[in-house]
Protein backbone atom coordinates (compact mmCIF):
# COMPACT_ATOMS: atom_id res chain seq x y z
CA MET A 1 72.76 68.73 101.22
CA ALA A 2 73.19 68.26 104.97
CA ILE A 3 70.11 66.03 105.07
CA VAL A 4 71.60 63.77 102.41
CA VAL A 5 74.93 63.49 104.24
CA VAL A 6 73.35 62.68 107.60
CA LEU A 7 70.99 60.21 105.93
CA LEU A 8 73.84 58.38 104.18
CA VAL A 9 75.89 58.16 107.38
CA ALA A 10 72.84 56.97 109.33
CA ILE A 11 72.09 54.27 106.77
CA GLN A 12 75.67 53.02 106.85
CA ALA A 13 75.87 52.89 110.65
CA THR A 14 72.41 51.34 111.01
CA ALA A 15 73.09 48.71 108.36
CA LEU A 16 76.39 47.70 109.97
CA GLY A 17 74.72 47.42 113.38
CA ALA A 18 71.91 45.31 111.95
CA ILE A 19 74.33 43.01 110.13
CA LEU A 20 76.43 42.51 113.27
CA THR A 21 73.33 41.84 115.38
CA LEU A 22 71.77 39.36 112.98
CA ALA A 23 75.00 37.50 112.15
CA THR A 24 75.04 33.80 112.91
CA ALA A 25 78.82 33.50 113.26
CA PRO A 26 81.43 35.76 114.89
CA TRP A 27 83.41 37.99 112.53
CA TYR A 28 86.41 38.81 114.73
CA HIS A 29 88.11 35.81 116.27
CA ALA A 30 90.61 38.02 118.08
CA HIS A 31 87.86 38.86 120.59
CA LEU A 32 87.70 35.29 121.89
CA VAL A 33 89.93 36.07 124.87
CA THR A 34 88.34 39.42 125.73
CA THR A 35 84.74 38.21 125.83
CA ARG A 36 85.37 35.48 128.40
CA VAL A 37 85.96 38.09 131.12
CA TRP A 38 82.39 39.32 130.70
CA GLY A 39 80.88 35.85 130.50
CA LEU A 40 79.89 36.23 126.87
CA THR A 41 80.63 34.17 123.83
CA GLN A 42 82.17 35.85 120.81
CA LEU A 43 78.84 35.82 119.01
CA GLU A 44 76.94 37.27 121.99
CA ASP A 45 79.50 40.06 122.32
CA GLN A 46 79.27 40.83 118.61
CA GLN A 47 75.45 40.81 118.70
CA LEU A 48 75.39 43.08 121.74
CA ALA A 49 77.75 45.54 120.04
CA GLY A 50 75.63 45.42 116.89
CA ALA A 51 72.45 46.08 118.86
CA ILE A 52 74.07 49.10 120.52
CA MET A 53 75.19 50.39 117.12
CA TRP A 54 71.78 49.69 115.61
CA ILE A 55 69.29 51.09 118.11
CA PRO A 56 70.68 53.65 120.61
CA ALA A 57 73.35 54.97 118.28
CA SER A 58 70.77 55.75 115.59
CA ILE A 59 68.87 58.15 117.87
CA PRO A 60 71.28 61.10 117.35
CA TYR A 61 71.07 60.58 113.58
CA LEU A 62 67.28 60.60 113.77
CA ALA A 63 67.32 63.76 115.90
CA ALA A 64 69.67 65.48 113.44
CA LEU A 65 67.50 64.46 110.49
CA LEU A 66 64.34 65.75 112.18
CA MET A 67 66.03 69.04 113.05
CA LEU A 68 67.35 69.53 109.52
CA ALA A 69 64.01 68.58 107.97
CA ALA A 70 62.12 70.99 110.24
CA ARG A 71 64.54 73.79 109.39
CA ARG A 72 64.17 73.02 105.69
CA LEU A 73 60.37 72.99 105.91
CA ARG A 74 60.32 76.32 107.75
CA THR A 75 62.48 78.06 105.18
CA THR A 76 60.68 76.43 102.25
CA ALA A 77 57.22 77.27 103.60
CA GLY A 78 58.12 80.91 104.15
CA ARG A 79 59.79 81.36 100.78
CA ASP A 80 57.60 79.38 98.39
CA SER A 81 54.07 79.80 99.67
CA GLY A 82 54.02 83.48 100.56
CA LEU A 83 53.78 82.72 104.28
CA ALA A 84 56.75 84.87 105.23
CA PRO A 85 54.58 87.71 106.63
CA VAL A 86 52.45 85.20 108.54
CA LEU A 87 55.44 83.37 109.98
CA ALA A 88 57.16 86.65 110.86
CA GLY A 89 54.16 88.06 112.73
CA GLY A 90 52.70 90.04 109.84
CA PRO A 91 49.21 91.56 109.78
CA TYR A 92 47.57 88.22 108.96
CA SER A 93 49.39 86.13 111.55
CA GLY A 94 46.79 86.59 114.27
CA ARG A 95 49.35 88.16 116.59
CA ALA A 96 48.99 91.74 117.69
CA GLN A 97 51.70 94.15 116.68
CA SER A 98 52.56 97.49 118.16
CA ASP A 99 51.27 99.37 115.08
CA ASP A 100 47.92 97.51 114.86
CA ARG A 101 45.83 100.39 116.15
CA PRO A 102 43.11 102.09 114.14
CA ILE A 103 44.22 104.91 111.90
CA ASN A 104 42.75 108.29 112.86
CA THR A 105 41.04 109.62 109.73
CA ARG A 106 40.16 113.11 111.03
């Protein structure tokens, strides 16, 4: 469920950033006075803000999605495929355990 929520929020934020960046006309005319101080037109300011929303701001969403997907794959692999003993350091994991010594049969 968490993957779906993060994915939906990421899509919304990314889409808004892309739309603002690729717009051909400014959306907010109230910013006309504030953009002059920075030497930008309204459209340039809007496109810069959209690019920031689109590219750098999507990195945390991508990181969260990768983390959640990795966690999901780990739990699914251990539960569904019988790999729980292997993942937990069981006798077939290739890792030595403290009780992996030969049994004395005498």
